[in-house]
PDB file of all heavy atoms in Angstrom:
ATOM      1  N   LEU A   1       0.833  -1.204   0.005  1.00  0.00           N
ATOM      2  CA  LEU A   1      -0.004   0.002   0.006  1.00  0.00           C
ATOM      3  C   LEU A   1       0.874   1.267  -0.002  1.00  0.00           C
ATOM      4  O   LEU A   1       0.512   2.274  -0.602  1.00  0.00           O
ATOM      5  CB  LEU A   1      -0.930  -0.003   1.209  1.00  0.00           C
ATOM      6  CG  LEU A   1      -2.052  -1.050   1.192  1.00  0.00           C
ATOM      7  CD1 LEU A   1      -2.800  -1.045   2.521  1.00  0.00           C
ATOM      8  CD2 LEU A   1      -3.016  -0.791   0.041  1.00  0.00           C
ATOM      9  N   GLY A   2       2.009   1.208   0.678  1.00  0.00           N
ATOM     10  CA  GLY A   2       2.918   2.348   0.704  1.00  0.00           C
ATOM     11  C   GLY A   2       3.473   2.680  -0.673  1.00  0.00           C
ATOM     12  O   GLY A   2       3.607   3.852  -1.036  1.00  0.00           O
ATOM     13  N   VAL A   3       3.802   1.643  -1.428  1.00  0.00           N
ATOM     14  CA  VAL A   3       4.276   1.851  -2.804  1.00  0.00           C
ATOM     15  C   VAL A   3       3.196   2.533  -3.634  1.00  0.00           C
ATOM     16  O   VAL A   3       3.463   3.502  -4.368  1.00  0.00           O
ATOM     17  CB  VAL A   3       4.687   0.514  -3.450  1.00  0.00           C
ATOM     18  CG1 VAL A   3       4.956   0.707  -4.943  1.00  0.00           C
ATOM     19  CG2 VAL A   3       5.904  -0.075  -2.749  1.00  0.00           C
ATOM     20  N   ALA A   4       1.968   2.050  -3.507  1.00  0.00           N
ATOM     21  CA  ALA A   4       0.849   2.634  -4.252  1.00  0.00           C
ATOM     22  C   ALA A   4       0.620   4.083  -3.845  1.00  0.00           C
ATOM     23  O   ALA A   4       0.359   4.957  -4.689  1.00  0.00           O
ATOM     24  CB  ALA A   4      -0.413   1.807  -4.020  1.00  0.00           C
ATOM     25  N   ALA A   5       0.719   4.363  -2.536  1.00  0.00           N
ATOM     26  CA  ALA A   5       0.490   5.721  -2.046  1.00  0.00           C
ATOM     27  C   ALA A   5       1.528   6.695  -2.616  1.00  0.00           C
ATOM     28  O   ALA A   5       1.199   7.802  -3.042  1.00  0.00           O
ATOM     29  CB  ALA A   5       0.525   5.737  -0.526  1.00  0.00           C
ATOM     30  N   ALA A   6       2.801   6.285  -2.617  1.00  0.00           N
ATOM     31  CA  ALA A   6       3.859   7.146  -3.146  1.00  0.00           C
ATOM     32  C   ALA A   6       3.656   7.410  -4.624  1.00  0.00           C
ATOM     33  O   ALA A   6       3.879   8.525  -5.108  1.00  0.00           O
ATOM     34  CB  ALA A   6       5.222   6.499  -2.907  1.00  0.00           C
ATOM     35  N   GLU A   7       3.228   6.403  -5.358  1.00  0.00           N
ATOM     36  CA  GLU A   7       3.015   6.575  -6.783  1.00  0.00           C
ATOM     37  C   GLU A   7       1.836   7.506  -7.060  1.00  0.00           C
ATOM     38  O   GLU A   7       1.872   8.322  -7.983  1.00  0.00           O
ATOM     39  CB  GLU A   7       2.783   5.214  -7.437  1.00  0.00           C
ATOM     40  CG  GLU A   7       2.678   5.239  -8.948  1.00  0.00           C
ATOM     41  CD  GLU A   7       3.919   5.750  -9.629  1.00  0.00           C
ATOM     42  OE1 GLU A   7       5.002   5.802  -8.991  1.00  0.00           O
ATOM     43  OE2 GLU A   7       3.830   6.146 -10.821  1.00  0.00           O
ATOM     44  N   LEU A   8       0.793   7.410  -6.257  1.00  0.00           N
ATOM     45  CA  LEU A   8      -0.352   8.312  -6.407  1.00  0.00           C
ATOM     46  C   LEU A   8       0.039   9.750  -6.090  1.00  0.00           C
ATOM     47  O   LEU A   8      -0.427  10.684  -6.755  1.00  0.00           O
ATOM     48  CB  LEU A   8      -1.496   7.853  -5.481  1.00  0.00           C
ATOM     49  CG  LEU A   8      -2.227   6.571  -5.900  1.00  0.00           C
ATOM     50  CD1 LEU A   8      -3.225   6.147  -4.825  1.00  0.00           C
ATOM     51  CD2 LEU A   8      -2.949   6.753  -7.234  1.00  0.00           C
ATOM     52  N   ILE A   9       0.897   9.935  -5.080  1.00  0.00           N
ATOM     53  CA  ILE A   9       1.383  11.281  -4.757  1.00  0.00           C
ATOM     54  C   ILE A   9       2.182  11.836  -5.934  1.00  0.00           C
ATOM     55  O   ILE A   9       2.047  13.009  -6.297  1.00  0.00           O
ATOM     56  CB  ILE A   9       2.244  11.242  -3.482  1.00  0.00           C
ATOM     57  CG1 ILE A   9       1.364  10.947  -2.260  1.00  0.00           C
ATOM     58  CG2 ILE A   9       2.989  12.565  -3.281  1.00  0.00           C
ATOM     59  CD1 ILE A   9       2.131  10.725  -0.979  1.00  0.00           C
ATOM     60  N   ARG A  10       3.035  11.009  -6.531  1.00  0.00           N
ATOM     61  CA  ARG A  10       3.815  11.458  -7.702  1.00  0.00           C
ATOM     62  C   ARG A  10       2.900  11.873  -8.842  1.00  0.00           C
ATOM     63  O   ARG A  10       3.105  12.924  -9.472  1.00  0.00           O
ATOM     64  CB  ARG A  10       4.752  10.341  -8.167  1.00  0.00           C
ATOM     65  CG  ARG A  10       5.664  10.767  -9.326  1.00  0.00           C
ATOM     66  CD  ARG A  10       6.378   9.572  -9.930  1.00  0.00           C
ATOM     67  NE  ARG A  10       5.452   8.703 -10.629  1.00  0.00           N
ATOM     68  CZ  ARG A  10       4.990   8.921 -11.866  1.00  0.00           C
ATOM     69  NH1 ARG A  10       5.360   9.984 -12.526  1.00  0.00           N
ATOM     70  NH2 ARG A  10       4.151   8.060 -12.426  1.00  0.00           N
ATOM     71  N   GLN A  11       1.907  11.058  -9.140  1.00  0.00           N
ATOM     72  CA  GLN A  11       1.007  11.348 -10.253  1.00  0.00           C
ATOM     73  C   GLN A  11       0.199  12.617 -10.011  1.00  0.00           C
ATOM     74  O   GLN A  11      -0.118  13.357 -10.958  1.00  0.00           O
ATOM     75  CB  GLN A  11       0.063  10.158 -10.474  1.00  0.00           C
ATOM     76  CG  GLN A  11       0.756   8.889 -10.958  1.00  0.00           C
ATOM     77  CD  GLN A  11      -0.184   7.700 -10.998  1.00  0.00           C
ATOM     78  OE1 GLN A  11      -1.366   7.809 -10.680  1.00  0.00           O
ATOM     79  NE2 GLN A  11       0.341   6.545 -11.391  1.00  0.00           N
ATOM     80  N   THR A  12      -0.136  12.878  -8.759  1.00  0.00           N
ATOM     81  CA  THR A  12      -0.998  14.025  -8.434  1.00  0.00           C
ATOM     82  C   THR A  12      -0.238  15.318  -8.261  1.00  0.00           C
ATOM     83  O   THR A  12      -0.701  16.388  -8.681  1.00  0.00           O
ATOM     84  CB  THR A  12      -1.777  13.714  -7.141  1.00  0.00           C
ATOM     85  OG1 THR A  12      -2.478  12.469  -7.264  1.00  0.00           O
ATOM     86  CG2 THR A  12      -2.784  14.828  -6.853  1.00  0.00           C
ATOM     87  N   PHE A  13       0.971  15.268  -7.675  1.00  0.00           N
ATOM     88  CA  PHE A  13       1.654  16.490  -7.265  1.00  0.00           C
ATOM     89  C   PHE A  13       2.993  16.710  -7.960  1.00  0.00           C
ATOM     90  O   PHE A  13       3.748  17.594  -7.556  1.00  0.00           O
ATOM     91  CB  PHE A  13       1.885  16.470  -5.746  1.00  0.00           C
ATOM     92  CG  PHE A  13       0.632  16.410  -4.940  1.00  0.00           C
ATOM     93  CD1 PHE A  13       0.250  15.225  -4.327  1.00  0.00           C
ATOM     94  CD2 PHE A  13      -0.177  17.520  -4.786  1.00  0.00           C
ATOM     95  CE1 PHE A  13      -0.912  15.143  -3.565  1.00  0.00           C
ATOM     96  CE2 PHE A  13      -1.337  17.463  -4.041  1.00  0.00           C
ATOM     97  CZ  PHE A  13      -1.713  16.265  -3.418  1.00  0.00           C
ATOM     98  N   GLN A  14       3.319  15.967  -9.005  1.00  0.00           N
ATOM     99  CA  GLN A  14       4.639  16.094  -9.598  1.00  0.00           C
ATOM    100  C   GLN A  14       4.863  17.429 -10.311  1.00  0.00           C
ATOM    101  O   GLN A  14       6.021  17.813 -10.578  1.00  0.00           O
ATOM    102  CB  GLN A  14       4.892  14.943 -10.582  1.00  0.00           C
ATOM    103  CG  GLN A  14       3.967  14.922 -11.773  1.00  0.00           C
ATOM    104  CD  GLN A  14       4.292  13.767 -12.716  1.00  0.00           C
ATOM    105  OE1 GLN A  14       5.393  13.229 -12.690  1.00  0.00           O
ATOM    106  NE2 GLN A  14       3.325  13.365 -13.527  1.00  0.00           N
ATOM    107  N   ASN A  15       3.806  18.161 -10.593  1.00  0.00           N
ATOM    108  CA  ASN A  15       3.950  19.430 -11.327  1.00  0.00           C
ATOM    109  C   ASN A  15       3.889  20.668 -10.438  1.00  0.00           C
ATOM    110  O   ASN A  15       3.974  21.792 -10.933  1.00  0.00           O
ATOM    111  CB  ASN A  15       2.881  19.530 -12.403  1.00  0.00           C
ATOM    112  CG  ASN A  15       3.067  18.494 -13.498  1.00  0.00           C
ATOM    113  OD1 ASN A  15       4.190  18.187 -13.871  1.00  0.00           O
ATOM    114  ND2 ASN A  15       1.963  17.951 -14.007  1.00  0.00           N
ATOM    115  N   ILE A  16       3.752  20.483  -9.115  1.00  0.00           N
ATOM    116  CA  ILE A  16       3.714  21.663  -8.248  1.00  0.00           C
ATOM    117  C   ILE A  16       5.110  22.264  -8.132  1.00  0.00           C
ATOM    118  O   ILE A  16       6.107  21.561  -8.262  1.00  0.00           O
ATOM    119  CB  ILE A  16       3.154  21.309  -6.851  1.00  0.00           C
ATOM    120  CG1 ILE A  16       4.032  20.264  -6.146  1.00  0.00           C
ATOM    121  CG2 ILE A  16       1.740  20.817  -6.944  1.00  0.00           C
ATOM    122  CD1 ILE A  16       3.597  19.982  -4.726  1.00  0.00           C
ATOM    123  N   ARG A  17       5.211  23.566  -7.866  1.00  0.00           N
ATOM    124  CA  ARG A  17       6.471  24.279  -7.960  1.00  0.00           C
ATOM    125  C   ARG A  17       7.150  24.476  -6.600  1.00  0.00           C
ATOM    126  O   ARG A  17       8.346  24.262  -6.482  1.00  0.00           O
ATOM    127  CB  ARG A  17       6.221  25.663  -8.581  1.00  0.00           C
ATOM    128  CG  ARG A  17       5.623  25.614  -9.962  1.00  0.00           C
ATOM    129  CD  ARG A  17       6.621  25.201 -11.015  1.00  0.00           C
ATOM    130  NE  ARG A  17       7.742  26.133 -11.085  1.00  0.00           N
ATOM    131  CZ  ARG A  17       8.800  25.943 -11.854  1.00  0.00           C
ATOM    132  NH1 ARG A  17       8.881  24.841 -12.609  1.00  0.00           N
ATOM    133  NH2 ARG A  17       9.785  26.829 -11.881  1.00  0.00           N
ATOM    134  N   LYS A  18       6.411  24.888  -5.584  1.00  0.00           N
ATOM    135  CA  LYS A  18       7.035  25.311  -4.341  1.00  0.00           C
ATOM    136  C   LYS A  18       7.622  24.162  -3.543  1.00  0.00           C
ATOM    137  O   LYS A  18       8.648  24.322  -2.873  1.00  0.00           O
ATOM    138  CB  LYS A  18       6.005  26.074  -3.490  1.00  0.00           C
ATOM    139  CG  LYS A  18       5.600  27.414  -4.099  1.00  0.00           C
ATOM    140  CD  LYS A  18       4.680  28.186  -3.176  1.00  0.00           C
ATOM    141  CE  LYS A  18       4.323  29.538  -3.772  1.00  0.00           C
ATOM    142  NZ  LYS A  18       3.428  30.305  -2.884  1.00  0.00           N
ATOM    143  N   VAL A  19       6.978  23.009  -3.559  1.00  0.00           N
ATOM    144  CA  VAL A  19       7.445  21.841  -2.814  1.00  0.00           C
ATOM    145  C   VAL A  19       7.500  20.651  -3.760  1.00  0.00           C
ATOM    146  O   VAL A  19       6.575  20.422  -4.524  1.00  0.00           O
ATOM    147  CB  VAL A  19       6.496  21.510  -1.620  1.00  0.00           C
ATOM    148  CG1 VAL A  19       6.986  20.283  -0.869  1.00  0.00           C
ATOM    149  CG2 VAL A  19       6.416  22.695  -0.667  1.00  0.00           C
ATOM    150  N   HIS A  20       8.614  19.928  -3.706  1.00  0.00           N
ATOM    151  CA  HIS A  20       8.754  18.739  -4.558  1.00  0.00           C
ATOM    152  C   HIS A  20       7.854  17.629  -4.033  1.00  0.00           C
ATOM    153  O   HIS A  20       7.662  17.500  -2.822  1.00  0.00           O
ATOM    154  CB  HIS A  20      10.226  18.293  -4.541  1.00  0.00           C
ATOM    155  CG  HIS A  20      10.574  17.373  -5.661  1.00  0.00           C
ATOM    156  ND1 HIS A  20      10.216  16.046  -5.684  1.00  0.00           N
ATOM    157  CD2 HIS A  20      11.258  17.578  -6.811  1.00  0.00           C
ATOM    158  CE1 HIS A  20      10.667  15.472  -6.779  1.00  0.00           C
ATOM    159  NE2 HIS A  20      11.304  16.395  -7.485  1.00  0.00           N
ATOM    160  N   TRP A  21       7.308  16.829  -4.936  1.00  0.00           N
ATOM    161  CA  TRP A  21       6.403  15.765  -4.499  1.00  0.00           C
ATOM    162  C   TRP A  21       7.111  14.772  -3.567  1.00  0.00           C
ATOM    163  O   TRP A  21       6.474  14.195  -2.679  1.00  0.00           O
ATOM    164  CB  TRP A  21       5.793  15.040  -5.692  1.00  0.00           C
ATOM    165  CG  TRP A  21       6.753  14.208  -6.517  1.00  0.00           C
ATOM    166  CD1 TRP A  21       7.471  14.591  -7.588  1.00  0.00           C
ATOM    167  CD2 TRP A  21       7.062  12.820  -6.299  1.00  0.00           C
ATOM    168  NE1 TRP A  21       8.239  13.564  -8.065  1.00  0.00           N
ATOM    169  CE2 TRP A  21       8.005  12.453  -7.309  1.00  0.00           C
ATOM    170  CE3 TRP A  21       6.664  11.863  -5.377  1.00  0.00           C
ATOM    171  CZ2 TRP A  21       8.528  11.167  -7.399  1.00  0.00           C
ATOM    172  CZ3 TRP A  21       7.190  10.574  -5.471  1.00  0.00           C
ATOM    173  CH2 TRP A  21       8.112  10.237  -6.464  1.00  0.00           C
ATOM    174  N   ARG A  22       8.419  14.592  -3.742  1.00  0.00           N
ATOM    175  CA  ARG A  22       9.155  13.693  -2.847  1.00  0.00           C
ATOM    176  C   ARG A  22       9.216  14.262  -1.424  1.00  0.00           C
ATOM    177  O   ARG A  22       9.279  13.514  -0.451  1.00  0.00           O
ATOM    178  CB  ARG A  22      10.569  13.451  -3.383  1.00  0.00           C
ATOM    179  CG  ARG A  22      10.591  12.618  -4.655  1.00  0.00           C
ATOM    180  CD  ARG A  22      12.021  12.257  -5.052  1.00  0.00           C
ATOM    181  NE  ARG A  22      12.066  11.414  -6.232  1.00  0.00           N
ATOM    182  CZ  ARG A  22      12.253  11.840  -7.471  1.00  0.00           C
ATOM    183  NH1 ARG A  22      12.410  13.154  -7.678  1.00  0.00           N
ATOM    184  NH2 ARG A  22      12.290  11.026  -8.482  1.00  0.00           N
ATOM    185  N   GLN A  23       9.187  15.583  -1.312  1.00  0.00           N
ATOM    186  CA  GLN A  23       9.151  16.187   0.018  1.00  0.00           C
ATOM    187  C   GLN A  23       7.821  15.905   0.701  1.00  0.00           C
ATOM    188  O   GLN A  23       7.767  15.735   1.931  1.00  0.00           O
ATOM    189  CB  GLN A  23       9.382  17.694  -0.091  1.00  0.00           C
ATOM    190  CG  GLN A  23      10.830  18.049  -0.417  1.00  0.00           C
ATOM    191  CD  GLN A  23      11.024  19.546  -0.563  1.00  0.00           C
ATOM    192  OE1 GLN A  23      10.445  20.160  -1.442  1.00  0.00           O
ATOM    193  NE2 GLN A  23      11.847  20.127   0.284  1.00  0.00           N
ATOM    194  N   LEU A  24       6.753  15.841  -0.078  1.00  0.00           N
ATOM    195  CA  LEU A  24       5.461  15.462   0.504  1.00  0.00           C
ATOM    196  C   LEU A  24       5.505  14.048   1.051  1.00  0.00           C
ATOM    197  O   LEU A  24       4.947  13.754   2.110  1.00  0.00           O
ATOM    198  CB  LEU A  24       4.355  15.575  -0.561  1.00  0.00           C
ATOM    199  CG  LEU A  24       4.093  16.961  -1.145  1.00  0.00           C
ATOM    200  CD1 LEU A  24       3.008  16.902  -2.202  1.00  0.00           C
ATOM    201  CD2 LEU A  24       3.680  17.931  -0.028  1.00  0.00           C
ATOM    202  N   VAL A  25       6.185  13.170   0.337  1.00  0.00           N
ATOM    203  CA  VAL A  25       6.363  11.783   0.812  1.00  0.00           C
ATOM    204  C   VAL A  25       7.092  11.787   2.146  1.00  0.00           C
ATOM    205  O   VAL A  25       6.713  11.076   3.090  1.00  0.00           O
ATOM    206  CB  VAL A  25       7.125  10.944  -0.237  1.00  0.00           C
ATOM    207  CG1 VAL A  25       7.543   9.598   0.360  1.00  0.00           C
ATOM    208  CG2 VAL A  25       6.256  10.717  -1.465  1.00  0.00           C
ATOM    209  N   LEU A  26       8.167  12.586   2.246  1.00  0.00           N
ATOM    210  CA  LEU A  26       8.940  12.635   3.494  1.00  0.00           C
ATOM    211  C   LEU A  26       8.127  13.220   4.635  1.00  0.00           C
ATOM    212  O   LEU A  26       8.249  12.767   5.782  1.00  0.00           O
ATOM    213  CB  LEU A  26      10.213  13.447   3.278  1.00  0.00           C
ATOM    214  CG  LEU A  26      11.292  12.803   2.413  1.00  0.00           C
ATOM    215  CD1 LEU A  26      12.510  13.715   2.296  1.00  0.00           C
ATOM    216  CD2 LEU A  26      11.709  11.455   2.994  1.00  0.00           C
ATOM    217  N   ILE A  27       7.291  14.218   4.354  1.00  0.00           N
ATOM    218  CA  ILE A  27       6.457  14.805   5.407  1.00  0.00           C
ATOM    219  C   ILE A  27       5.541  13.740   5.990  1.00  0.00           C
ATOM    220  O   ILE A  27       5.390  13.619   7.214  1.00  0.00           O
ATOM    221  CB  ILE A  27       5.630  15.971   4.834  1.00  0.00           C
ATOM    222  CG1 ILE A  27       6.540  17.163   4.522  1.00  0.00           C
ATOM    223  CG2 ILE A  27       4.554  16.401   5.837  1.00  0.00           C
ATOM    224  CD1 ILE A  27       5.846  18.282   3.785  1.00  0.00           C
ATOM    225  N   ILE A  28       4.888  12.969   5.117  1.00  0.00           N
ATOM    226  CA  ILE A  28       3.996  11.896   5.580  1.00  0.00           C
ATOM    227  C   ILE A  28       4.780  10.853   6.372  1.00  0.00           C
ATOM    228  O   ILE A  28       4.335  10.388   7.427  1.00  0.00           O
ATOM    229  CB  ILE A  28       3.273  11.249   4.389  1.00  0.00           C
ATOM    230  CG1 ILE A  28       2.368  12.280   3.696  1.00  0.00           C
ATOM    231  CG2 ILE A  28       2.462  10.042   4.827  1.00  0.00           C
ATOM    232  CD1 ILE A  28       1.767  11.791   2.402  1.00  0.00           C
ATOM    233  N   GLU A  29       5.950  10.495   5.846  1.00  0.00           N
ATOM    234  CA  GLU A  29       6.774   9.478   6.514  1.00  0.00           C
ATOM    235  C   GLU A  29       7.208   9.954   7.901  1.00  0.00           C
ATOM    236  O   GLU A  29       7.135   9.174   8.874  1.00  0.00           O
ATOM    237  CB  GLU A  29       8.002   9.172   5.662  1.00  0.00           C
ATOM    238  CG  GLU A  29       8.822   8.012   6.178  1.00  0.00           C
ATOM    239  CD  GLU A  29       9.983   7.652   5.268  1.00  0.00           C
ATOM    240  OE1 GLU A  29      10.151   8.310   4.214  1.00  0.00           O
ATOM    241  OE2 GLU A  29      10.729   6.725   5.619  1.00  0.00           O
ATOM    242  N   ILE A  30       7.644  11.186   8.021  1.00  0.00           N
ATOM    243  CA  ILE A  30       8.055  11.729   9.318  1.00  0.00           C
ATOM    244  C   ILE A  30       6.903  11.728  10.298  1.00  0.00           C
ATOM    245  O   ILE A  30       7.058  11.347  11.469  1.00  0.00           O
ATOM    246  CB  ILE A  30       8.627  13.154   9.141  1.00  0.00           C
ATOM    247  CG1 ILE A  30       9.955  13.101   8.394  1.00  0.00           C
ATOM    248  CG2 ILE A  30       8.808  13.839  10.493  1.00  0.00           C
ATOM    249  CD1 ILE A  30      10.467  14.459   7.952  1.00  0.00           C
ATOM    250  N   PHE A  31       5.732  12.132   9.834  1.00  0.00           N
ATOM    251  CA  PHE A  31       4.542  12.158  10.695  1.00  0.00           C
ATOM    252  C   PHE A  31       4.200  10.751  11.204  1.00  0.00           C
ATOM    253  O   PHE A  31       3.943  10.553  12.394  1.00  0.00           O
ATOM    254  CB  PHE A  31       3.363  12.747   9.912  1.00  0.00           C
ATOM    255  CG  PHE A  31       2.064  12.696  10.674  1.00  0.00           C
ATOM    256  CD1 PHE A  31       1.782  13.639  11.654  1.00  0.00           C
ATOM    257  CD2 PHE A  31       1.120  11.716  10.402  1.00  0.00           C
ATOM    258  CE1 PHE A  31       0.583  13.600  12.357  1.00  0.00           C
ATOM    259  CE2 PHE A  31      -0.071  11.654  11.097  1.00  0.00           C
ATOM    260  CZ  PHE A  31      -0.345  12.600  12.089  1.00  0.00           C
ATOM    261  N   LEU A  32       4.208   9.770  10.309  1.00  0.00           N
ATOM    262  CA  LEU A  32       3.864   8.414  10.694  1.00  0.00           C
ATOM    263  C   LEU A  32       4.864   7.842  11.711  1.00  0.00           C
ATOM    264  O   LEU A  32       4.477   7.231  12.704  1.00  0.00           O
ATOM    265  CB  LEU A  32       3.820   7.512   9.457  1.00  0.00           C
ATOM    266  CG  LEU A  32       2.683   7.741   8.465  1.00  0.00           C
ATOM    267  CD1 LEU A  32       2.850   6.864   7.236  1.00  0.00           C
ATOM    268  CD2 LEU A  32       1.332   7.492   9.120  1.00  0.00           C
ATOM    269  N   LEU A  33       6.167   8.038  11.438  1.00  0.00           N
ATOM    270  CA  LEU A  33       7.181   7.489  12.326  1.00  0.00           C
ATOM    271  C   LEU A  33       7.188   8.194  13.677  1.00  0.00           C
ATOM    272  O   LEU A  33       7.465   7.562  14.707  1.00  0.00           O
ATOM    273  CB  LEU A  33       8.556   7.586  11.671  1.00  0.00           C
ATOM    274  CG  LEU A  33       8.733   6.775  10.382  1.00  0.00           C
ATOM    275  CD1 LEU A  33      10.153   6.947   9.837  1.00  0.00           C
ATOM    276  CD2 LEU A  33       8.432   5.306  10.612  1.00  0.00           C
ATOM    277  N   PHE A  34       6.908   9.478  13.683  1.00  0.00           N
ATOM    278  CA  PHE A  34       6.811  10.200  14.949  1.00  0.00           C
ATOM    279  C   PHE A  34       5.682   9.636  15.805  1.00  0.00           C
ATOM    280  O   PHE A  34       5.838   9.455  17.026  1.00  0.00           O
ATOM    281  CB  PHE A  34       6.599  11.688  14.686  1.00  0.00           C
ATOM    282  CG  PHE A  34       6.589  12.521  15.932  1.00  0.00           C
ATOM    283  CD1 PHE A  34       7.780  12.839  16.583  1.00  0.00           C
ATOM    284  CD2 PHE A  34       5.405  13.007  16.459  1.00  0.00           C
ATOM    285  CE1 PHE A  34       7.794  13.613  17.742  1.00  0.00           C
ATOM    286  CE2 PHE A  34       5.406  13.776  17.617  1.00  0.00           C
ATOM    287  CZ  PHE A  34       6.601  14.076  18.259  1.00  0.00           C
ATOM    288  N   PHE A  35       4.557   9.328  15.173  1.00  0.00           N
ATOM    289  CA  PHE A  35       3.413   8.772  15.885  1.00  0.00           C
ATOM    290  C   PHE A  35       3.731   7.355  16.408  1.00  0.00           C
ATOM    291  O   PHE A  35       3.297   6.982  17.498  1.00  0.00           O
ATOM    292  CB  PHE A  35       2.186   8.734  14.967  1.00  0.00           C
ATOM    293  CG  PHE A  35       0.925   8.340  15.660  1.00  0.00           C
ATOM    294  CD1 PHE A  35       0.312   9.198  16.556  1.00  0.00           C
ATOM    295  CD2 PHE A  35       0.343   7.100  15.423  1.00  0.00           C
ATOM    296  CE1 PHE A  35      -0.858   8.829  17.207  1.00  0.00           C
ATOM    297  CE2 PHE A  35      -0.833   6.724  16.054  1.00  0.00           C
ATOM    298  CZ  PHE A  35      -1.418   7.607  16.964  1.00  0.00           C
ATOM    299  N   VAL A  36       4.515   6.598  15.635  1.00  0.00           N
ATOM    300  CA  VAL A  36       4.900   5.247  16.042  1.00  0.00           C
ATOM    301  C   VAL A  36       5.675   5.284  17.364  1.00  0.00           C
ATOM    302  O   VAL A  36       5.548   4.366  18.186  1.00  0.00           O
ATOM    303  CB  VAL A  36       5.747   4.579  14.937  1.00  0.00           C
ATOM    304  CG1 VAL A  36       6.445   3.320  15.464  1.00  0.00           C
ATOM    305  CG2 VAL A  36       4.871   4.207  13.752  1.00  0.00           C
ATOM    306  N   GLY A  37       6.451   6.322  17.565  1.00  0.00           N
ATOM    307  CA  GLY A  37       7.244   6.431  18.785  1.00  0.00           C
ATOM    308  C   GLY A  37       6.415   6.470  20.052  1.00  0.00           C
ATOM    309  O   GLY A  37       6.935   6.186  21.136  1.00  0.00           O
ATOM    310  N   PHE A  38       5.141   6.798  19.963  1.00  0.00           N
ATOM    311  CA  PHE A  38       4.260   6.850  21.134  1.00  0.00           C
ATOM    312  C   PHE A  38       3.574   5.511  21.401  1.00  0.00           C
ATOM    313  O   PHE A  38       2.945   5.354  22.451  1.00  0.00           O
ATOM    314  CB  PHE A  38       3.188   7.928  20.938  1.00  0.00           C
ATOM    315  CG  PHE A  38       3.708   9.329  20.985  1.00  0.00           C
ATOM    316  CD1 PHE A  38       3.837  10.072  19.834  1.00  0.00           C
ATOM    317  CD2 PHE A  38       4.100   9.911  22.195  1.00  0.00           C
ATOM    318  CE1 PHE A  38       4.313  11.377  19.859  1.00  0.00           C
ATOM    319  CE2 PHE A  38       4.573  11.215  22.224  1.00  0.00           C
ATOM    320  CZ  PHE A  38       4.686  11.939  21.059  1.00  0.00           C
TER     321      PHE A  38
END
């Protein structure tokens, strides 16, 4: 499911200018892992 989610993010946000779509992936990843710590 994670592979599918990253690919959907790429397809949807690859043309935005201010933030790279890969940065969106990292934001989600950081949020999930931070929550795991609790």
